[in-house]
Amino acid sequence: MAHTVRDKTKLLHRVRRIRGQLNAVEKALLAEHECSTILLTVSACRGAMDSLVAEIIEDHIQFHILDPEHKPTAEQKKAAKEIISVVRRYLK
């Protein structure tokens, strides 16, 4: 089973929260809110999207690159943790 299928509910909750944030941006634009308010809301959307991407990439590494059925070596596990850490830092 693919990790996106296994984690579908959790991922869909994230997507729905992001959709809500995007709706808030639209409403703020329609209501002609201050640009600083809109920028903060857009920034929150970006952060939420980056977190979603990081989670999917991490799961991809854990399930498709390491392949838990073939017992990854300690070196492979360490390398995977390092790349996951780099991706998460980059996306913050």
C-alpha atoms as a PDB file:
ATOM      1  CA  MET A   1       0.000   0.000   0.000  1.00  0.00           C
ATOM      2  CA  ALA A   2       1.358   3.418  -0.920  1.00  0.00           C
ATOM      3  CA  HIS A   3       2.056   5.780   1.953  1.00  0.00           C
ATOM      4  CA  THR A   4      -0.310   8.394   0.486  1.00  0.00           C
ATOM      5  CA  VAL A   5      -3.137   5.861   0.628  1.00  0.00           C
ATOM      6  CA  ARG A   6      -2.186   4.790   4.153  1.00  0.00           C
ATOM      7  CA  ASP A   7      -2.005   8.414   5.351  1.00  0.00           C
ATOM      8  CA  LYS A   8      -4.839   9.668   3.158  1.00  0.00           C
ATOM      9  CA  THR A   9      -7.033  10.957   5.995  1.00  0.00           C
ATOM     10  CA  LYS A  10      -4.193  12.890   7.624  1.00  0.00           C
ATOM     11  CA  LEU A  11      -3.080  14.377   4.303  1.00  0.00           C
ATOM     12  CA  LEU A  12      -6.624  15.341   3.339  1.00  0.00           C
ATOM     13  CA  HIS A  13      -7.066  17.146   6.679  1.00  0.00           C
ATOM     14  CA  ARG A  14      -3.959  19.182   5.877  1.00  0.00           C
ATOM     15  CA  VAL A  15      -5.271  19.985   2.408  1.00  0.00           C
ATOM     16  CA  ARG A  16      -8.607  21.095   3.838  1.00  0.00           C
ATOM     17  CA  ARG A  17      -6.861  23.393   6.312  1.00  0.00           C
ATOM     18  CA  ILE A  18      -4.852  24.867   3.439  1.00  0.00           C
ATOM     19  CA  ARG A  19      -8.058  25.365   1.443  1.00  0.00           C
ATOM     20  CA  GLY A  20      -9.517  27.222   4.422  1.00  0.00           C
ATOM     21  CA  GLN A  21      -6.462  29.462   4.577  1.00  0.00           C
ATOM     22  CA  LEU A  22      -6.734  30.182   0.847  1.00  0.00           C
ATOM     23  CA  ASN A  23     -10.399  31.048   1.302  1.00  0.00           C
ATOM     24  CA  ALA A  24      -9.332  33.489   4.019  1.00  0.00           C
ATOM     25  CA  VAL A  25      -6.937  35.152   1.548  1.00  0.00           C
ATOM     26  CA  GLU A  26      -9.748  35.493  -0.980  1.00  0.00           C
ATOM     27  CA  LYS A  27     -12.096  36.985   1.614  1.00  0.00           C
ATOM     28  CA  ALA A  28      -9.422  39.407   2.793  1.00  0.00           C
ATOM     29  CA  LEU A  29      -8.841  40.572  -0.782  1.00  0.00           C
ATOM     30  CA  LEU A  30     -12.551  40.962  -1.419  1.00  0.00           C
ATOM     31  CA  ALA A  31     -12.953  42.912   1.817  1.00  0.00           C
ATOM     32  CA  GLU A  32      -9.974  45.088   0.878  1.00  0.00           C
ATOM     33  CA  HIS A  33      -8.041  44.347   4.070  1.00  0.00           C
ATOM     34  CA  GLU A  34      -4.633  45.872   4.661  1.00  0.00           C
ATOM     35  CA  CYS A  35      -1.851  44.368   2.572  1.00  0.00           C
ATOM     36  CA  SER A  36       0.065  43.372   5.722  1.00  0.00           C
ATOM     37  CA  THR A  37      -2.878  41.230   6.866  1.00  0.00           C
ATOM     38  CA  ILE A  38      -3.131  39.602   3.457  1.00  0.00           C
ATOM     39  CA  LEU A  39       0.618  38.958   3.350  1.00  0.00           C
ATOM     40  CA  LEU A  40       0.520  37.251   6.742  1.00  0.00           C
ATOM     41  CA  THR A  41      -2.331  35.020   5.594  1.00  0.00           C
ATOM     42  CA  VAL A  42      -0.524  34.157   2.355  1.00  0.00           C
ATOM     43  CA  SER A  43       2.600  33.397   4.372  1.00  0.00           C
ATOM     44  CA  ALA A  44       0.619  30.983   6.539  1.00  0.00           C
ATOM     45  CA  CYS A  45      -0.650  29.277   3.370  1.00  0.00           C
ATOM     46  CA  ARG A  46       2.878  28.911   2.075  1.00  0.00           C
ATOM     47  CA  GLY A  47       4.042  27.434   5.377  1.00  0.00           C
ATOM     48  CA  ALA A  48       1.191  24.945   5.349  1.00  0.00           C
ATOM     49  CA  MET A  49       1.976  23.910   1.761  1.00  0.00           C
ATOM     50  CA  ASP A  50       5.668  23.535   2.581  1.00  0.00           C
ATOM     51  CA  SER A  51       4.797  21.316   5.555  1.00  0.00           C
ATOM     52  CA  LEU A  52       2.588  19.152   3.355  1.00  0.00           C
ATOM     53  CA  VAL A  53       5.354  18.797   0.768  1.00  0.00           C
ATOM     54  CA  ALA A  54       7.912  17.950   3.474  1.00  0.00           C
ATOM     55  CA  GLU A  55       5.668  15.268   4.924  1.00  0.00           C
ATOM     56  CA  ILE A  56       5.061  13.645   1.538  1.00  0.00           C
ATOM     57  CA  ILE A  57       8.773  13.749   0.671  1.00  0.00           C
ATOM     58  CA  GLU A  58       9.701  12.236   4.031  1.00  0.00           C
ATOM     59  CA  ASP A  59       7.209   9.412   3.581  1.00  0.00           C
ATOM     60  CA  HIS A  60       8.434   8.874   0.022  1.00  0.00           C
ATOM     61  CA  ILE A  61      11.998   8.462   1.272  1.00  0.00           C
ATOM     62  CA  GLN A  62      10.924   6.143   4.092  1.00  0.00           C
ATOM     63  CA  PHE A  63       8.775   3.867   1.922  1.00  0.00           C
ATOM     64  CA  HIS A  64      10.194   4.015  -1.590  1.00  0.00           C
ATOM     65  CA  ILE A  65      13.884   4.744  -1.188  1.00  0.00           C
ATOM     66  CA  LEU A  66      14.622   2.869   2.039  1.00  0.00           C
ATOM     67  CA  ASP A  67      12.031   0.155   1.311  1.00  0.00           C
ATOM     68  CA  PRO A  68      11.246  -1.192   4.787  1.00  0.00           C
ATOM     69  CA  GLU A  69      10.718  -4.704   3.404  1.00  0.00           C
ATOM     70  CA  HIS A  70      14.442  -4.974   2.582  1.00  0.00           C
ATOM     71  CA  LYS A  71      15.851  -3.933   5.976  1.00  0.00           C
ATOM     72  CA  PRO A  72      17.814  -0.751   5.251  1.00  0.00           C
ATOM     73  CA  THR A  73      21.328  -0.564   6.662  1.00  0.00           C
ATOM     74  CA  ALA A  74      22.265   1.839   9.436  1.00  0.00           C
ATOM     75  CA  GLU A  75      24.124   3.924   6.854  1.00  0.00           C
ATOM     76  CA  GLN A  76      21.044   4.114   4.623  1.00  0.00           C
ATOM     77  CA  LYS A  77      18.866   5.100   7.576  1.00  0.00           C
ATOM     78  CA  LYS A  78      21.337   7.815   8.578  1.00  0.00           C
ATOM     79  CA  ALA A  79      21.493   9.181   5.015  1.00  0.00           C
ATOM     80  CA  ALA A  80      17.684   9.221   4.822  1.00  0.00           C
ATOM     81  CA  LYS A  81      17.431  11.123   8.124  1.00  0.00           C
ATOM     82  CA  GLU A  82      19.981  13.647   6.878  1.00  0.00           C
ATOM     83  CA  ILE A  83      18.149  14.337   3.607  1.00  0.00           C
ATOM     84  CA  ILE A  84      14.799  14.565   5.416  1.00  0.00           C
ATOM     85  CA  SER A  85      16.335  17.085   7.824  1.00  0.00           C
ATOM     86  CA  VAL A  86      17.724  19.146   4.942  1.00  0.00           C
ATOM     87  CA  VAL A  87      14.367  19.159   3.129  1.00  0.00           C
ATOM     88  CA  ARG A  88      12.484  20.178   6.274  1.00  0.00           C
ATOM     89  CA  ARG A  89      14.946  23.007   6.994  1.00  0.00           C
ATOM     90  CA  TYR A  90      14.796  24.204   3.412  1.00  0.00           C
ATOM     91  CA  LEU A  91      11.002  24.290   3.412  1.00  0.00           C
ATOM     92  CA  LYS A  92      10.707  26.237   6.699  1.00  0.00           C
END
